[in-house]
Amino acid sequence: MKILTANRLTDGEAVWLASDRSWAETIDAAEIARDKAGEETLERAGEAAAQNNEVVDVNLIDVDMVDGRIVPVRLRERIRAAGPTFRADLGKQAHSTISNVA
């Protein structure tokens, strides 16, 4: 399974492509590609958004479903989804139920 992530061009915020083609600020809203055709659809949407100067650094990332939640496979992506590792009162983790990035 994969999802599409990027950084919003206006403020650098980590975002994920949702099924309505908006860029969500939380990973839980991301559309999941479960096959190659789904991955290609996400990639095309990401390329179009990058060309429209909405986002930069567009990437498909591997994810797992854990207890009904989207969890990135790589630690780097878990940190991007949660926010800074040095203060739990800042970033996305301050506004969600994410309690551990590792």
N, C-alpha and C. Protein backbone atom coordinates (compact mmCIF):
# COMPACT_ATOMS: atom_id res chain seq x y z
N MET A 1 0.84 -1.17 0.00
CA MET A 1 0.00 0.00 0.00
C MET A 1 0.88 1.24 0.00
N LYS A 2 0.39 2.25 -0.72
CA LYS A 2 1.15 3.49 -0.80
C LYS A 2 0.20 4.68 -0.72
N ILE A 3 0.77 5.81 -0.27
CA ILE A 3 0.06 7.08 -0.28
C ILE A 3 1.00 8.11 -0.89
N LEU A 4 0.43 9.26 -1.25
CA LEU A 4 1.23 10.32 -1.85
C LEU A 4 1.41 11.45 -0.85
N THR A 5 2.64 11.84 -0.65
CA THR A 5 2.95 12.94 0.26
C THR A 5 3.74 14.01 -0.48
N ALA A 6 3.72 15.20 0.07
CA ALA A 6 4.44 16.33 -0.51
C ALA A 6 4.57 17.40 0.56
N ASN A 7 5.15 18.51 0.17
CA ASN A 7 5.19 19.69 1.03
C ASN A 7 4.44 20.81 0.31
N ARG A 8 3.53 21.43 1.04
CA ARG A 8 2.76 22.54 0.48
C ARG A 8 3.72 23.69 0.18
N LEU A 9 3.58 24.26 -0.99
CA LEU A 9 4.51 25.29 -1.44
C LEU A 9 4.39 26.58 -0.64
N THR A 10 3.20 26.92 -0.19
CA THR A 10 3.01 28.20 0.49
C THR A 10 3.65 28.27 1.86
N ASP A 11 3.72 27.14 2.58
CA ASP A 11 4.26 27.18 3.95
C ASP A 11 5.17 26.00 4.32
N GLY A 12 5.40 25.08 3.40
CA GLY A 12 6.29 23.96 3.65
C GLY A 12 5.68 22.82 4.46
N GLU A 13 4.41 22.94 4.83
CA GLU A 13 3.74 21.92 5.64
C GLU A 13 3.70 20.58 4.91
N ALA A 14 3.98 19.49 5.64
CA ALA A 14 3.84 18.15 5.09
C ALA A 14 2.35 17.88 4.88
N VAL A 15 2.00 17.41 3.68
CA VAL A 15 0.60 17.14 3.32
C VAL A 15 0.50 15.82 2.59
N TRP A 16 -0.74 15.28 2.53
CA TRP A 16 -1.01 14.00 1.89
C TRP A 16 -2.20 14.17 0.98
N LEU A 17 -2.16 13.51 -0.18
CA LEU A 17 -3.24 13.62 -1.15
C LEU A 17 -4.45 12.83 -0.67
N ALA A 18 -5.59 13.52 -0.57
CA ALA A 18 -6.84 12.89 -0.15
C ALA A 18 -7.62 12.43 -1.39
N SER A 19 -8.65 11.64 -1.17
CA SER A 19 -9.42 11.08 -2.29
C SER A 19 -10.14 12.16 -3.09
N ASP A 20 -10.42 13.33 -2.51
CA ASP A 20 -11.06 14.41 -3.25
C ASP A 20 -10.04 15.29 -3.98
N ARG A 21 -8.78 14.87 -3.97
CA ARG A 21 -7.64 15.53 -4.62
C ARG A 21 -7.22 16.81 -3.91
N SER A 22 -7.68 17.01 -2.70
CA SER A 22 -7.16 18.11 -1.89
C SER A 22 -5.92 17.60 -1.17
N TRP A 23 -5.16 18.52 -0.60
CA TRP A 23 -3.97 18.16 0.16
C TRP A 23 -4.29 18.27 1.64
N ALA A 24 -4.40 17.13 2.30
CA ALA A 24 -4.77 17.06 3.71
C ALA A 24 -3.55 17.27 4.60
N GLU A 25 -3.76 17.91 5.74
CA GLU A 25 -2.68 18.15 6.69
C GLU A 25 -2.46 16.98 7.64
N THR A 26 -3.34 15.99 7.61
CA THR A 26 -3.16 14.81 8.45
C THR A 26 -3.12 13.56 7.57
N ILE A 27 -2.27 12.64 7.96
CA ILE A 27 -2.07 11.43 7.18
C ILE A 27 -3.31 10.54 7.14
N ASP A 28 -4.15 10.63 8.16
CA ASP A 28 -5.35 9.79 8.21
C ASP A 28 -6.31 10.06 7.07
N ALA A 29 -6.21 11.22 6.43
CA ALA A 29 -7.10 11.57 5.32
C ALA A 29 -6.55 11.13 3.96
N ALA A 30 -5.36 10.54 3.94
CA ALA A 30 -4.72 10.19 2.67
C ALA A 30 -5.46 9.07 1.94
N GLU A 31 -5.49 9.20 0.63
CA GLU A 31 -6.03 8.13 -0.21
C GLU A 31 -4.96 7.04 -0.32
N ILE A 32 -5.38 5.79 -0.18
CA ILE A 32 -4.45 4.67 -0.22
C ILE A 32 -4.52 3.99 -1.58
N ALA A 33 -3.35 3.82 -2.21
CA ALA A 33 -3.25 3.05 -3.45
C ALA A 33 -2.94 1.61 -3.07
N ARG A 34 -3.79 0.71 -3.50
CA ARG A 34 -3.62 -0.70 -3.14
C ARG A 34 -3.08 -1.55 -4.29
N ASP A 35 -2.87 -0.91 -5.45
CA ASP A 35 -2.31 -1.63 -6.59
C ASP A 35 -1.56 -0.65 -7.49
N LYS A 36 -0.93 -1.17 -8.53
CA LYS A 36 -0.11 -0.35 -9.42
C LYS A 36 -0.94 0.74 -10.11
N ALA A 37 -2.16 0.41 -10.51
CA ALA A 37 -3.02 1.40 -11.16
C ALA A 37 -3.34 2.54 -10.20
N GLY A 38 -3.58 2.23 -8.96
CA GLY A 38 -3.84 3.26 -7.95
C GLY A 38 -2.62 4.14 -7.73
N GLU A 39 -1.45 3.53 -7.72
CA GLU A 39 -0.21 4.29 -7.56
C GLU A 39 -0.03 5.27 -8.72
N GLU A 40 -0.30 4.80 -9.93
CA GLU A 40 -0.15 5.65 -11.11
C GLU A 40 -1.13 6.82 -11.07
N THR A 41 -2.34 6.57 -10.59
CA THR A 41 -3.33 7.65 -10.45
C THR A 41 -2.85 8.70 -9.46
N LEU A 42 -2.33 8.26 -8.32
CA LEU A 42 -1.80 9.20 -7.34
C LEU A 42 -0.63 9.99 -7.91
N GLU A 43 0.27 9.30 -8.61
CA GLU A 43 1.43 9.99 -9.18
C GLU A 43 1.01 11.06 -10.18
N ARG A 44 0.02 10.76 -11.02
CA ARG A 44 -0.44 11.77 -11.99
C ARG A 44 -1.03 12.99 -11.27
N ALA A 45 -1.79 12.75 -10.23
CA ALA A 45 -2.37 13.86 -9.47
C ALA A 45 -1.26 14.70 -8.81
N GLY A 46 -0.25 14.03 -8.30
CA GLY A 46 0.87 14.73 -7.68
C GLY A 46 1.66 15.55 -8.68
N GLU A 47 1.89 14.99 -9.86
CA GLU A 47 2.61 15.72 -10.91
C GLU A 47 1.84 16.97 -11.32
N ALA A 48 0.52 16.84 -11.45
CA ALA A 48 -0.31 17.99 -11.83
C ALA A 48 -0.26 19.07 -10.74
N ALA A 49 -0.33 18.66 -9.49
CA ALA A 49 -0.28 19.63 -8.38
C ALA A 49 1.08 20.33 -8.33
N ALA A 50 2.15 19.59 -8.60
CA ALA A 50 3.48 20.20 -8.61
C ALA A 50 3.59 21.20 -9.77
N GLN A 51 3.06 20.86 -10.92
CA GLN A 51 3.10 21.77 -12.07
C GLN A 51 2.27 23.02 -11.82
N ASN A 52 1.23 22.89 -10.99
CA ASN A 52 0.38 24.03 -10.64
C ASN A 52 0.93 24.82 -9.45
N ASN A 53 2.15 24.47 -9.02
CA ASN A 53 2.81 25.15 -7.90
C ASN A 53 2.03 25.07 -6.59
N GLU A 54 1.33 23.95 -6.37
CA GLU A 54 0.64 23.73 -5.11
C GLU A 54 1.56 23.06 -4.09
N VAL A 55 2.40 22.12 -4.57
CA VAL A 55 3.26 21.33 -3.70
C VAL A 55 4.62 21.10 -4.35
N VAL A 56 5.58 20.70 -3.51
CA VAL A 56 6.91 20.30 -3.97
C VAL A 56 7.28 19.00 -3.28
N ASP A 57 8.33 18.35 -3.77
CA ASP A 57 8.85 17.11 -3.19
C ASP A 57 7.76 16.04 -3.07
N VAL A 58 7.10 15.76 -4.17
CA VAL A 58 6.00 14.79 -4.23
C VAL A 58 6.58 13.38 -4.26
N ASN A 59 6.11 12.52 -3.34
CA ASN A 59 6.62 11.16 -3.25
C ASN A 59 5.54 10.17 -2.86
N LEU A 60 5.58 9.00 -3.49
CA LEU A 60 4.77 7.87 -3.03
C LEU A 60 5.54 7.22 -1.89
N ILE A 61 4.85 6.91 -0.80
CA ILE A 61 5.51 6.25 0.32
C ILE A 61 4.76 4.99 0.71
N ASP A 62 5.50 4.02 1.22
CA ASP A 62 4.90 2.77 1.69
C ASP A 62 4.25 2.97 3.05
N VAL A 63 3.06 2.39 3.20
CA VAL A 63 2.34 2.46 4.47
C VAL A 63 1.74 1.11 4.81
N ASP A 64 1.46 0.93 6.07
CA ASP A 64 0.72 -0.22 6.58
C ASP A 64 -0.53 0.30 7.27
N MET A 65 -1.49 -0.57 7.45
CA MET A 65 -2.66 -0.24 8.27
C MET A 65 -2.45 -0.94 9.60
N VAL A 66 -2.49 -0.19 10.69
CA VAL A 66 -2.32 -0.72 12.04
C VAL A 66 -3.50 -0.23 12.87
N ASP A 67 -4.31 -1.17 13.33
CA ASP A 67 -5.50 -0.83 14.11
C ASP A 67 -6.35 0.22 13.41
N GLY A 68 -6.50 0.07 12.09
CA GLY A 68 -7.34 0.97 11.32
C GLY A 68 -6.73 2.32 10.99
N ARG A 69 -5.46 2.50 11.30
CA ARG A 69 -4.78 3.78 11.04
C ARG A 69 -3.66 3.59 10.03
N ILE A 70 -3.42 4.63 9.25
CA ILE A 70 -2.32 4.62 8.28
C ILE A 70 -1.03 4.89 9.03
N VAL A 71 -0.05 3.98 8.86
CA VAL A 71 1.25 4.13 9.52
C VAL A 71 2.35 4.00 8.46
N PRO A 72 3.13 5.05 8.24
CA PRO A 72 4.23 4.96 7.28
C PRO A 72 5.24 3.89 7.70
N VAL A 73 5.83 3.23 6.72
CA VAL A 73 6.82 2.19 6.99
C VAL A 73 8.14 2.82 7.46
N ARG A 74 8.58 3.87 6.80
CA ARG A 74 9.86 4.50 7.14
C ARG A 74 9.71 5.49 8.30
N LEU A 75 10.71 5.51 9.17
CA LEU A 75 10.71 6.41 10.31
C LEU A 75 10.64 7.87 9.87
N ARG A 76 11.36 8.23 8.83
CA ARG A 76 11.33 9.61 8.34
C ARG A 76 9.90 10.05 8.07
N GLU A 77 9.11 9.20 7.45
CA GLU A 77 7.74 9.56 7.12
C GLU A 77 6.83 9.57 8.36
N ARG A 78 7.14 8.73 9.34
CA ARG A 78 6.38 8.77 10.60
C ARG A 78 6.63 10.10 11.31
N ILE A 79 7.86 10.58 11.25
CA ILE A 79 8.18 11.87 11.87
C ILE A 79 7.48 13.00 11.12
N ARG A 80 7.48 12.96 9.80
CA ARG A 80 6.79 13.99 9.02
C ARG A 80 5.30 14.01 9.34
N ALA A 81 4.72 12.84 9.59
CA ALA A 81 3.29 12.74 9.90
C ALA A 81 2.98 13.26 11.30
N ALA A 82 3.93 13.12 12.21
CA ALA A 82 3.68 13.48 13.61
C ALA A 82 4.14 14.89 13.96
N GLY A 83 5.24 15.32 13.41
CA GLY A 83 5.78 16.63 13.75
C GLY A 83 7.13 16.49 14.41
N PRO A 84 7.65 17.56 14.98
CA PRO A 84 9.00 17.53 15.54
C PRO A 84 9.13 16.50 16.67
N THR A 85 10.30 15.91 16.76
CA THR A 85 10.54 14.87 17.77
C THR A 85 10.97 15.43 19.10
N PHE A 86 11.27 16.71 19.17
CA PHE A 86 11.82 17.26 20.40
C PHE A 86 10.78 17.88 21.33
N ARG A 87 9.56 18.16 20.83
CA ARG A 87 8.52 18.74 21.69
C ARG A 87 7.17 18.19 21.27
N ALA A 88 6.54 17.43 22.14
CA ALA A 88 5.24 16.83 21.83
C ALA A 88 4.12 17.85 21.81
N ASP A 89 4.37 19.07 22.29
CA ASP A 89 3.32 20.09 22.29
C ASP A 89 3.32 20.92 21.01
N LEU A 90 4.19 20.60 20.06
CA LEU A 90 4.26 21.30 18.78
C LEU A 90 3.94 20.35 17.65
N GLY A 91 3.61 20.87 16.51
CA GLY A 91 3.41 20.07 15.32
C GLY A 91 2.11 19.28 15.34
N LYS A 92 2.02 18.36 14.43
CA LYS A 92 0.81 17.58 14.24
C LYS A 92 0.46 16.73 15.45
N GLN A 93 1.46 16.24 16.18
CA GLN A 93 1.18 15.39 17.34
C GLN A 93 0.46 16.15 18.45
N ALA A 94 0.58 17.45 18.47
CA ALA A 94 -0.10 18.26 19.48
C ALA A 94 -1.60 18.33 19.23
N HIS A 95 -2.02 17.98 18.02
CA HIS A 95 -3.42 18.08 17.63
C HIS A 95 -4.07 16.75 17.29
N SER A 96 -3.41 15.65 17.58
CA SER A 96 -3.95 14.35 17.19
C SER A 96 -3.74 13.32 18.28
N THR A 97 -4.10 12.09 17.94
CA THR A 97 -3.94 10.99 18.90
C THR A 97 -2.62 10.27 18.71
N ILE A 98 -1.75 10.80 17.84
CA ILE A 98 -0.43 10.20 17.64
C ILE A 98 0.38 10.36 18.92
N SER A 99 0.86 9.25 19.45
CA SER A 99 1.61 9.34 20.69
C SER A 99 3.06 8.90 20.56
N ASN A 100 3.39 8.21 19.48
CA ASN A 100 4.74 7.69 19.36
C ASN A 100 5.08 7.59 17.87
N VAL A 101 6.17 8.17 17.46
CA VAL A 101 6.56 8.12 16.06
C VAL A 101 7.39 6.90 15.71
N ALA A 102 7.88 6.20 16.68
CA ALA A 102 8.75 5.05 16.40
C ALA A 102 7.99 3.75 16.40
